[in-house]
PDB file of N, CA and C in Angstrom:
ATOM      1  N   MET A   1      -1.211   7.103  -4.324  1.00  0.00           N
ATOM      2  CA  MET A   1      -1.798   6.892  -3.014  1.00  0.00           C
ATOM      3  C   MET A   1      -0.747   6.471  -1.986  1.00  0.00           C
ATOM      4  N   PRO A   2       0.139   5.518  -2.320  1.00  0.00           N
ATOM      5  CA  PRO A   2       1.143   5.132  -1.332  1.00  0.00           C
ATOM      6  C   PRO A   2       2.048   6.292  -0.935  1.00  0.00           C
ATOM      7  N   ASP A   3       2.335   7.214  -1.880  1.00  0.00           N
ATOM      8  CA  ASP A   3       3.159   8.364  -1.541  1.00  0.00           C
ATOM      9  C   ASP A   3       2.468   9.215  -0.486  1.00  0.00           C
ATOM     10  N   ASN A   4       1.158   9.344  -0.581  1.00  0.00           N
ATOM     11  CA  ASN A   4       0.394  10.135   0.373  1.00  0.00           C
ATOM     12  C   ASN A   4       0.495   9.521   1.769  1.00  0.00           C
ATOM     13  N   VAL A   5       0.345   8.214   1.868  1.00  0.00           N
ATOM     14  CA  VAL A   5       0.448   7.526   3.158  1.00  0.00           C
ATOM     15  C   VAL A   5       1.874   7.637   3.687  1.00  0.00           C
ATOM     16  N   SER A   6       2.835   7.452   2.808  1.00  0.00           N
ATOM     17  CA  SER A   6       4.239   7.536   3.201  1.00  0.00           C
ATOM     18  C   SER A   6       4.576   8.915   3.745  1.00  0.00           C
ATOM     19  N   SER A   7       4.081   9.958   3.081  1.00  0.00           N
ATOM     20  CA  SER A   7       4.381  11.310   3.555  1.00  0.00           C
ATOM     21  C   SER A   7       3.694  11.578   4.894  1.00  0.00           C
ATOM     22  N   LYS A   8       2.500  11.042   5.076  1.00  0.00           N
ATOM     23  CA  LYS A   8       1.816  11.227   6.357  1.00  0.00           C
ATOM     24  C   LYS A   8       2.587  10.545   7.485  1.00  0.00           C
ATOM     25  N   VAL A   9       3.079   9.352   7.218  1.00  0.00           N
ATOM     26  CA  VAL A   9       3.854   8.635   8.232  1.00  0.00           C
ATOM     27  C   VAL A   9       5.137   9.400   8.535  1.00  0.00           C
ATOM     28  N   THR A  10       5.777   9.930   7.504  1.00  0.00           N
ATOM     29  CA  THR A  10       7.006  10.703   7.696  1.00  0.00           C
ATOM     30  C   THR A  10       6.729  11.939   8.542  1.00  0.00           C
ATOM     31  N   TYR A  11       5.673  12.674   8.208  1.00  0.00           N
ATOM     32  CA  TYR A  11       5.323  13.860   8.990  1.00  0.00           C
ATOM     33  C   TYR A  11       5.016  13.494  10.440  1.00  0.00           C
ATOM     34  N   PHE A  12       4.330  12.362  10.626  1.00  0.00           N
ATOM     35  CA  PHE A  12       4.009  11.927  11.983  1.00  0.00           C
ATOM     36  C   PHE A  12       5.285  11.662  12.780  1.00  0.00           C
ATOM     37  N   ILE A  13       6.216  10.950  12.166  1.00  0.00           N
ATOM     38  CA  ILE A  13       7.457  10.602  12.866  1.00  0.00           C
ATOM     39  C   ILE A  13       8.268  11.854  13.171  1.00  0.00           C
ATOM     40  N   VAL A  14       8.351  12.769  12.211  1.00  0.00           N
ATOM     41  CA  VAL A  14       9.075  14.029  12.450  1.00  0.00           C
ATOM     42  C   VAL A  14       8.389  14.811  13.565  1.00  0.00           C
ATOM     43  N   GLY A  15       7.074  14.890  13.513  1.00  0.00           N
ATOM     44  CA  GLY A  15       6.325  15.591  14.565  1.00  0.00           C
ATOM     45  C   GLY A  15       6.526  14.954  15.925  1.00  0.00           C
ATOM     46  N   LEU A  16       6.567  13.637  15.936  1.00  0.00           N
ATOM     47  CA  LEU A  16       6.796  12.926  17.187  1.00  0.00           C
ATOM     48  C   LEU A  16       8.168  13.279  17.751  1.00  0.00           C
ATOM     49  N   GLY A  17       9.161  13.314  16.884  1.00  0.00           N
ATOM     50  CA  GLY A  17      10.513  13.651  17.333  1.00  0.00           C
ATOM     51  C   GLY A  17      10.600  15.081  17.848  1.00  0.00           C
ATOM     52  N   VAL A  18      10.009  16.019  17.125  1.00  0.00           N
ATOM     53  CA  VAL A  18      10.032  17.427  17.548  1.00  0.00           C
ATOM     54  C   VAL A  18       9.274  17.588  18.861  1.00  0.00           C
ATOM     55  N   GLY A  19       8.140  16.945  18.954  1.00  0.00           N
ATOM     56  CA  GLY A  19       7.362  17.017  20.194  1.00  0.00           C
ATOM     57  C   GLY A  19       8.104  16.438  21.376  1.00  0.00           C
ATOM     58  N   ALA A  20       8.790  15.337  21.145  1.00  0.00           N
ATOM     59  CA  ALA A  20       9.569  14.723  22.224  1.00  0.00           C
ATOM     60  C   ALA A  20      10.697  15.646  22.667  1.00  0.00           C
ATOM     61  N   LEU A  21      11.375  16.252  21.701  1.00  0.00           N
ATOM     62  CA  LEU A  21      12.462  17.172  22.024  1.00  0.00           C
ATOM     63  C   LEU A  21      11.939  18.371  22.813  1.00  0.00           C
ATOM     64  N   MET A  22      10.838  18.938  22.371  1.00  0.00           N
ATOM     65  CA  MET A  22      10.252  20.080  23.077  1.00  0.00           C
ATOM     66  C   MET A  22       9.812  19.667  24.477  1.00  0.00           C
ATOM     67  N   GLY A  23       9.281  18.453  24.568  1.00  0.00           N
ATOM     68  CA  GLY A  23       8.867  17.959  25.880  1.00  0.00           C
ATOM     69  C   GLY A  23      10.034  17.824  26.839  1.00  0.00           C
ATOM     70  N   VAL A  24      11.148  17.363  26.345  1.00  0.00           N
ATOM     71  CA  VAL A  24      12.342  17.225  27.188  1.00  0.00           C
ATOM     72  C   VAL A  24      12.839  18.601  27.619  1.00  0.00           C
ATOM     73  N   LEU A  25      12.856  19.540  26.699  1.00  0.00           N
ATOM     74  CA  LEU A  25      13.385  20.870  27.002  1.00  0.00           C
ATOM     75  C   LEU A  25      12.515  21.650  27.990  1.00  0.00           C
ATOM     76  N   PHE A  26      11.209  21.512  27.874  1.00  0.00           N
ATOM     77  CA  PHE A  26      10.315  22.338  28.678  1.00  0.00           C
ATOM     78  C   PHE A  26       9.508  21.563  29.714  1.00  0.00           C
ATOM     79  N   ALA A  27       9.852  20.322  29.944  1.00  0.00           N
ATOM     80  CA  ALA A  27       9.075  19.495  30.858  1.00  0.00           C
ATOM     81  C   ALA A  27       9.352  19.869  32.319  1.00  0.00           C
ATOM     82  N   PRO A  28       8.287  20.041  33.092  1.00  0.00           N
ATOM     83  CA  PRO A  28       8.466  20.295  34.519  1.00  0.00           C
ATOM     84  C   PRO A  28       8.588  18.990  35.312  1.00  0.00           C
ATOM     85  N   LYS A  29       8.668  17.865  34.602  1.00  0.00           N
ATOM     86  CA  LYS A  29       8.730  16.562  35.268  1.00  0.00           C
ATOM     87  C   LYS A  29      10.181  16.181  35.514  1.00  0.00           C
ATOM     88  N   SER A  30      10.346  15.162  36.342  1.00  0.00           N
ATOM     89  CA  SER A  30      11.692  14.655  36.615  1.00  0.00           C
ATOM     90  C   SER A  30      12.206  13.886  35.399  1.00  0.00           C
ATOM     91  N   GLY A  31      13.473  13.598  35.398  1.00  0.00           N
ATOM     92  CA  GLY A  31      14.084  12.866  34.293  1.00  0.00           C
ATOM     93  C   GLY A  31      13.457  11.503  34.089  1.00  0.00           C
ATOM     94  N   GLU A  32      13.179  10.797  35.165  1.00  0.00           N
ATOM     95  CA  GLU A  32      12.592   9.463  35.054  1.00  0.00           C
ATOM     96  C   GLU A  32      11.187   9.531  34.470  1.00  0.00           C
ATOM     97  N   GLU A  33      10.392  10.490  34.938  1.00  0.00           N
ATOM     98  CA  GLU A  33       9.039  10.650  34.399  1.00  0.00           C
ATOM     99  C   GLU A  33       9.084  11.021  32.921  1.00  0.00           C
ATOM    100  N   THR A  34      10.019  11.870  32.575  1.00  0.00           N
ATOM    101  CA  THR A  34      10.157  12.284  31.180  1.00  0.00           C
ATOM    102  C   THR A  34      10.578  11.101  30.313  1.00  0.00           C
ATOM    103  N   ARG A  35      11.507  10.297  30.794  1.00  0.00           N
ATOM    104  CA  ARG A  35      11.928   9.120  30.034  1.00  0.00           C
ATOM    105  C   ARG A  35      10.774   8.147  29.856  1.00  0.00           C
ATOM    106  N   ASP A  36       9.990   7.937  30.900  1.00  0.00           N
ATOM    107  CA  ASP A  36       8.820   7.066  30.793  1.00  0.00           C
ATOM    108  C   ASP A  36       7.834   7.601  29.757  1.00  0.00           C
ATOM    109  N   PHE A  37       7.601   8.918  29.800  1.00  0.00           N
ATOM    110  CA  PHE A  37       6.701   9.554  28.850  1.00  0.00           C
ATOM    111  C   PHE A  37       7.212   9.371  27.417  1.00  0.00           C
ATOM    112  N   LEU A  38       8.509   9.613  27.213  1.00  0.00           N
ATOM    113  CA  LEU A  38       9.080   9.483  25.873  1.00  0.00           C
ATOM    114  C   LEU A  38       9.039   8.037  25.380  1.00  0.00           C
ATOM    115  N   THR A  39       9.280   7.113  26.283  1.00  0.00           N
ATOM    116  CA  THR A  39       9.203   5.698  25.910  1.00  0.00           C
ATOM    117  C   THR A  39       7.792   5.335  25.474  1.00  0.00           C
ATOM    118  N   LYS A  40       6.818   5.819  26.231  1.00  0.00           N
ATOM    119  CA  LYS A  40       5.415   5.553  25.894  1.00  0.00           C
ATOM    120  C   LYS A  40       5.081   6.135  24.526  1.00  0.00           C
ATOM    121  N   LYS A  41       5.485   7.375  24.277  1.00  0.00           N
ATOM    122  CA  LYS A  41       5.182   8.018  22.993  1.00  0.00           C
ATOM    123  C   LYS A  41       5.916   7.322  21.851  1.00  0.00           C
ATOM    124  N   ALA A  42       7.135   6.887  22.074  1.00  0.00           N
ATOM    125  CA  ALA A  42       7.873   6.163  21.032  1.00  0.00           C
ATOM    126  C   ALA A  42       7.175   4.849  20.705  1.00  0.00           C
ATOM    127  N   ASP A  43       6.670   4.161  21.726  1.00  0.00           N
ATOM    128  CA  ASP A  43       5.933   2.916  21.502  1.00  0.00           C
ATOM    129  C   ASP A  43       4.651   3.178  20.716  1.00  0.00           C
ATOM    130  N   GLU A  44       3.963   4.271  21.052  1.00  0.00           N
ATOM    131  CA  GLU A  44       2.752   4.630  20.314  1.00  0.00           C
ATOM    132  C   GLU A  44       3.078   4.919  18.852  1.00  0.00           C
ATOM    133  N   GLY A  45       4.161   5.625  18.618  1.00  0.00           N
ATOM    134  CA  GLY A  45       4.579   5.922  17.246  1.00  0.00           C
ATOM    135  C   GLY A  45       4.938   4.659  16.481  1.00  0.00           C
ATOM    136  N   LYS A  46       5.608   3.743  17.141  1.00  0.00           N
ATOM    137  CA  LYS A  46       5.976   2.475  16.521  1.00  0.00           C
ATOM    138  C   LYS A  46       4.730   1.674  16.160  1.00  0.00           C
ATOM    139  N   GLU A  47       3.763   1.624  17.076  1.00  0.00           N
ATOM    140  CA  GLU A  47       2.522   0.899  16.823  1.00  0.00           C
ATOM    141  C   GLU A  47       1.754   1.532  15.661  1.00  0.00           C
ATOM    142  N   TYR A  48       1.736   2.855  15.625  1.00  0.00           N
ATOM    143  CA  TYR A  48       1.055   3.567  14.544  1.00  0.00           C
ATOM    144  C   TYR A  48       1.710   3.229  13.204  1.00  0.00           C
ATOM    145  N   ALA A  49       3.038   3.273  13.152  1.00  0.00           N
ATOM    146  CA  ALA A  49       3.754   2.983  11.915  1.00  0.00           C
ATOM    147  C   ALA A  49       3.513   1.537  11.482  1.00  0.00           C
ATOM    148  N   GLN A  50       3.504   0.610  12.429  1.00  0.00           N
ATOM    149  CA  GLN A  50       3.250  -0.794  12.098  1.00  0.00           C
ATOM    150  C   GLN A  50       1.833  -0.982  11.570  1.00  0.00           C
ATOM    151  N   ARG A  51       0.877  -0.307  12.198  1.00  0.00           N
ATOM    152  CA  ARG A  51      -0.519  -0.408  11.759  1.00  0.00           C
ATOM    153  C   ARG A  51      -0.672   0.131  10.339  1.00  0.00           C
ATOM    154  N   LYS A  52      -0.054   1.284  10.066  1.00  0.00           N
ATOM    155  CA  LYS A  52      -0.144   1.873   8.727  1.00  0.00           C
ATOM    156  C   LYS A  52       0.557   0.981   7.697  1.00  0.00           C
ATOM    157  N   ALA A  53       1.681   0.393   8.059  1.00  0.00           N
ATOM    158  CA  ALA A  53       2.383  -0.507   7.148  1.00  0.00           C
ATOM    159  C   ALA A  53       1.525  -1.733   6.838  1.00  0.00           C
ATOM    160  N   ARG A  54       0.861  -2.251   7.857  1.00  0.00           N
ATOM    161  CA  ARG A  54      -0.021  -3.404   7.665  1.00  0.00           C
ATOM    162  C   ARG A  54      -1.184  -3.042   6.738  1.00  0.00           C
ATOM    163  N   GLU A  55      -1.796  -1.861   6.950  1.00  0.00           N
ATOM    164  CA  GLU A  55      -2.893  -1.416   6.095  1.00  0.00           C
ATOM    165  C   GLU A  55      -2.416  -1.240   4.656  1.00  0.00           C
ATOM    166  N   LEU A  56      -1.243  -0.679   4.493  1.00  0.00           N
ATOM    167  CA  LEU A  56      -0.687  -0.468   3.162  1.00  0.00           C
ATOM    168  C   LEU A  56      -0.425  -1.809   2.473  1.00  0.00           C
ATOM    169  N   ARG A  57       0.095  -2.767   3.218  1.00  0.00           N
ATOM    170  CA  ARG A  57       0.354  -4.095   2.672  1.00  0.00           C
ATOM    171  C   ARG A  57      -0.954  -4.764   2.253  1.00  0.00           C
ATOM    172  N   GLU A  58      -2.010  -4.619   3.067  1.00  0.00           N
ATOM    173  CA  GLU A  58      -3.302  -5.208   2.729  1.00  0.00           C
ATOM    174  C   GLU A  58      -3.862  -4.578   1.459  1.00  0.00           C
ATOM    175  N   ARG A  59      -3.742  -3.253   1.345  1.00  0.00           N
ATOM    176  CA  ARG A  59      -4.213  -2.571   0.139  1.00  0.00           C
ATOM    177  C   ARG A  59      -3.429  -3.025  -1.085  1.00  0.00           C
ATOM    178  N   ALA A  60      -2.135  -3.191  -0.927  1.00  0.00           N
ATOM    179  CA  ALA A  60      -1.307  -3.655  -2.041  1.00  0.00           C
ATOM    180  C   ALA A  60      -1.731  -5.059  -2.459  1.00  0.00           C
ATOM    181  N   ASP A  61      -2.008  -5.923  -1.494  1.00  0.00           N
ATOM    182  CA  ASP A  61      -2.464  -7.275  -1.808  1.00  0.00           C
ATOM    183  C   ASP A  61      -3.786  -7.242  -2.568  1.00  0.00           C
ATOM    184  N   GLU A  62      -4.698  -6.364  -2.158  1.00  0.00           N
ATOM    185  CA  GLU A  62      -5.983  -6.229  -2.853  1.00  0.00           C
ATOM    186  C   GLU A  62      -5.773  -5.758  -4.288  1.00  0.00           C
ATOM    187  N   LEU A  63      -4.890  -4.777  -4.470  1.00  0.00           N
ATOM    188  CA  LEU A  63      -4.624  -4.269  -5.817  1.00  0.00           C
ATOM    189  C   LEU A  63      -3.982  -5.343  -6.694  1.00  0.00           C
ATOM    190  N   ILE A  64      -3.096  -6.118  -6.124  1.00  0.00           N
ATOM    191  CA  ILE A  64      -2.467  -7.204  -6.882  1.00  0.00           C
ATOM    192  C   ILE A  64      -3.520  -8.215  -7.309  1.00  0.00           C
ATOM    193  N   GLU A  65      -4.405  -8.551  -6.394  1.00  0.00           N
ATOM    194  CA  GLU A  65      -5.462  -9.516  -6.707  1.00  0.00           C
ATOM    195  C   GLU A  65      -6.371  -8.990  -7.817  1.00  0.00           C
ATOM    196  N   ARG A  66      -6.749  -7.715  -7.718  1.00  0.00           N
ATOM    197  CA  ARG A  66      -7.579  -7.117  -8.768  1.00  0.00           C
ATOM    198  C   ARG A  66      -6.839  -7.107 -10.103  1.00  0.00           C
ATOM    199  N   GLY A  67      -5.555  -6.820 -10.063  1.00  0.00           N
ATOM    200  CA  GLY A  67      -4.753  -6.827 -11.286  1.00  0.00           C
ATOM    201  C   GLY A  67      -4.715  -8.202 -11.927  1.00  0.00           C
ATOM    202  N   LYS A  68      -4.602  -9.230 -11.106  1.00  0.00           N
ATOM    203  CA  LYS A  68      -4.608 -10.597 -11.628  1.00  0.00           C
ATOM    204  C   LYS A  68      -5.946 -10.917 -12.285  1.00  0.00           C
ATOM    205  N   GLU A  69      -7.032 -10.472 -11.649  1.00  0.00           N
ATOM    206  CA  GLU A  69      -8.362 -10.723 -12.212  1.00  0.00           C
ATOM    207  C   GLU A  69      -8.521 -10.024 -13.556  1.00  0.00           C
ATOM    208  N   VAL A  70      -8.071  -8.779 -13.639  1.00  0.00           N
ATOM    209  CA  VAL A  70      -8.160  -8.030 -14.895  1.00  0.00           C
ATOM    210  C   VAL A  70      -7.319  -8.705 -15.968  1.00  0.00           C
ATOM    211  N   ALA A  71      -6.116  -9.130 -15.606  1.00  0.00           N
ATOM    212  CA  ALA A  71      -5.246  -9.807 -16.570  1.00  0.00           C
ATOM    213  C   ALA A  71      -5.889 -11.094 -17.077  1.00  0.00           C
ATOM    214  N   THR A  72      -6.525 -11.831 -16.186  1.00  0.00           N
ATOM    215  CA  THR A  72      -7.191 -13.068 -16.587  1.00  0.00           C
ATOM    216  C   THR A  72      -8.332 -12.774 -17.548  1.00  0.00           C
ATOM    217  N   ARG A  73      -9.130 -11.738 -17.238  1.00  0.00           N
ATOM    218  CA  ARG A  73     -10.241 -11.374 -18.137  1.00  0.00           C
ATOM    219  C   ARG A  73      -9.712 -10.942 -19.498  1.00  0.00           C
ATOM    220  N   GLN A  74      -8.636 -10.157 -19.493  1.00  0.00           N
ATOM    221  CA  GLN A  74      -8.059  -9.708 -20.767  1.00  0.00           C
ATOM    222  C   GLN A  74      -7.522 -10.899 -21.559  1.00  0.00           C
ATOM    223  N   LYS A  75      -6.887 -11.816 -20.875  1.00  0.00           N
ATOM    224  CA  LYS A  75      -6.355 -13.009 -21.540  1.00  0.00           C
ATOM    225  C   LYS A  75      -7.487 -13.811 -22.161  1.00  0.00           C
ATOM    226  N   ASP A  76      -8.586 -13.956 -21.429  1.00  0.00           N
ATOM    227  CA  ASP A  76      -9.737 -14.683 -21.954  1.00  0.00           C
ATOM    228  C   ASP A  76     -10.322 -13.973 -23.171  1.00  0.00           C
ATOM    229  N   SER A  77     -10.394 -12.642 -23.117  1.00  0.00           N
ATOM    230  CA  SER A  77     -10.926 -11.879 -24.251  1.00  0.00           C
ATOM    231  C   SER A  77     -10.032 -12.030 -25.477  1.00  0.00           C
ATOM    232  N   VAL A  78      -8.726 -11.936 -25.279  1.00  0.00           N
ATOM    233  CA  VAL A  78      -7.791 -12.077 -26.395  1.00  0.00           C
ATOM    234  C   VAL A  78      -7.866 -13.490 -26.952  1.00  0.00           C
ATOM    235  N   SER A  79      -7.942 -14.479 -26.087  1.00  0.00           N
ATOM    236  CA  SER A  79      -8.043 -15.867 -26.546  1.00  0.00           C
ATOM    237  C   SER A  79      -9.311 -16.076 -27.364  1.00  0.00           C
ATOM    238  N   ALA A  80     -10.405 -15.506 -26.910  1.00  0.00           N
ATOM    239  CA  ALA A  80     -11.669 -15.626 -27.642  1.00  0.00           C
ATOM    240  C   ALA A  80     -11.565 -14.925 -28.994  1.00  0.00           C
ATOM    241  N   ALA A  81     -10.935 -13.762 -29.038  1.00  0.00           N
ATOM    242  CA  ALA A  81     -10.783 -13.042 -30.295  1.00  0.00           C
ATOM    243  C   ALA A  81      -9.893 -13.815 -31.261  1.00  0.00           C
ATOM    244  N   VAL A  82      -8.809 -14.391 -30.766  1.00  0.00           N
ATOM    245  CA  VAL A  82      -7.915 -15.182 -31.613  1.00  0.00           C
ATOM    246  C   VAL A  82      -8.658 -16.393 -32.160  1.00  0.00           C
ATOM    247  N   GLU A  83      -9.409 -17.058 -31.313  1.00  0.00           N
ATOM    248  CA  GLU A  83     -10.180 -18.227 -31.737  1.00  0.00           C
ATOM    249  C   GLU A  83     -11.222 -17.841 -32.790  1.00  0.00           C
ATOM    250  N   ALA A  84     -11.907 -16.732 -32.589  1.00  0.00           N
ATOM    251  CA  ALA A  84     -12.894 -16.268 -33.566  1.00  0.00           C
ATOM    252  C   ALA A  84     -12.206 -15.942 -34.892  1.00  0.00           C
ATOM    253  N   GLY A  85     -11.054 -15.316 -34.828  1.00  0.00           N
ATOM    254  CA  GLY A  85     -10.310 -15.013 -36.047  1.00  0.00           C
ATOM    255  C   GLY A  85      -9.866 -16.270 -36.765  1.00  0.00           C
ATOM    256  N   ARG A  86      -9.409 -17.253 -36.021  1.00  0.00           N
ATOM    257  CA  ARG A  86      -8.982 -18.522 -36.602  1.00  0.00           C
ATOM    258  C   ARG A  86     -10.158 -19.205 -37.302  1.00  0.00           C
ATOM    259  N   GLU A  87     -11.309 -19.225 -36.637  1.00  0.00           N
ATOM    260  CA  GLU A  87     -12.487 -19.856 -37.228  1.00  0.00           C
ATOM    261  C   GLU A  87     -12.923 -19.115 -38.489  1.00  0.00           C
ATOM    262  N   ALA A  88     -12.882 -17.786 -38.445  1.00  0.00           N
ATOM    263  CA  ALA A  88     -13.257 -17.007 -39.623  1.00  0.00           C
ATOM    264  C   ALA A  88     -12.289 -17.290 -40.772  1.00  0.00           C
ATOM    265  N   TYR A  89     -11.005 -17.379 -40.458  1.00  0.00           N
ATOM    266  CA  TYR A  89     -10.007 -17.672 -41.484  1.00  0.00           C
ATOM    267  C   TYR A  89     -10.262 -19.044 -42.108  1.00  0.00           C
ATOM    268  N   LEU A  90     -10.524 -20.039 -41.251  1.00  0.00           N
ATOM    269  CA  LEU A  90     -10.780 -21.389 -41.765  1.00  0.00           C
ATOM    270  C   LEU A  90     -12.032 -21.426 -42.630  1.00  0.00           C
ATOM    271  N   ARG A  91     -13.093 -20.732 -42.213  1.00  0.00           N
ATOM    272  CA  ARG A  91     -14.323 -20.678 -43.018  1.00  0.00           C
ATOM    273  C   ARG A  91     -14.045 -20.014 -44.366  1.00  0.00           C
ATOM    274  N   HIS A  92     -13.297 -18.937 -44.324  1.00  0.00           N
ATOM    275  CA  HIS A  92     -12.980 -18.212 -45.549  1.00  0.00           C
ATOM    276  C   HIS A  92     -12.103 -19.072 -46.463  1.00  0.00           C
ATOM    277  N   SER A  93     -11.157 -19.808 -45.884  1.00  0.00           N
ATOM    278  CA  SER A  93     -10.286 -20.686 -46.681  1.00  0.00           C
ATOM    279  C   SER A  93     -11.089 -21.772 -47.357  1.00  0.00           C
ATOM    280  N   LYS A  94     -12.050 -22.340 -46.636  1.00  0.00           N
ATOM    281  CA  LYS A  94     -12.872 -23.407 -47.205  1.00  0.00           C
ATOM    282  C   LYS A  94     -13.756 -22.875 -48.306  1.00  0.00           C
ATOM    283  N   GLN A  95     -14.240 -21.655 -48.166  1.00  0.00           N
ATOM    284  CA  GLN A  95     -15.127 -21.068 -49.187  1.00  0.00           C
ATOM    285  C   GLN A  95     -14.350 -20.735 -50.450  1.00  0.00           C
ATOM    286  N   THR A  96     -13.125 -20.334 -50.343  1.00  0.00           N
ATOM    287  CA  THR A  96     -12.342 -19.943 -51.516  1.00  0.00           C
ATOM    288  C   THR A  96     -11.667 -21.148 -52.169  1.00  0.00           C
ATOM    289  N   SER A  97     -11.645 -22.282 -51.506  1.00  0.00           N
ATOM    290  CA  SER A  97     -10.990 -23.470 -52.089  1.00  0.00           C
ATOM    291  C   SER A  97     -11.880 -24.227 -53.007  1.00  0.00           C
TER     292      SER A  97
END
């Protein structure tokens, strides 16, 4: 999943760069207007990348939390199984003694 988001962000940034270049080459606007436009688009791209990075970080935090919960449940299950085995062993030892 993270690779999918990463590739989308990469494509967006490449597209932004190509679009900006094409805009500069074919723009009927003055240099100052074009620079303002490019600055605005670069800021939008930066905000988009930051937003996606934040979303990705939040998803990673959720996955880590879920992983911790699963590990805790597994640890509890293993502990219960070990304890049951120990009790069975002790009962069996007492019966054979």
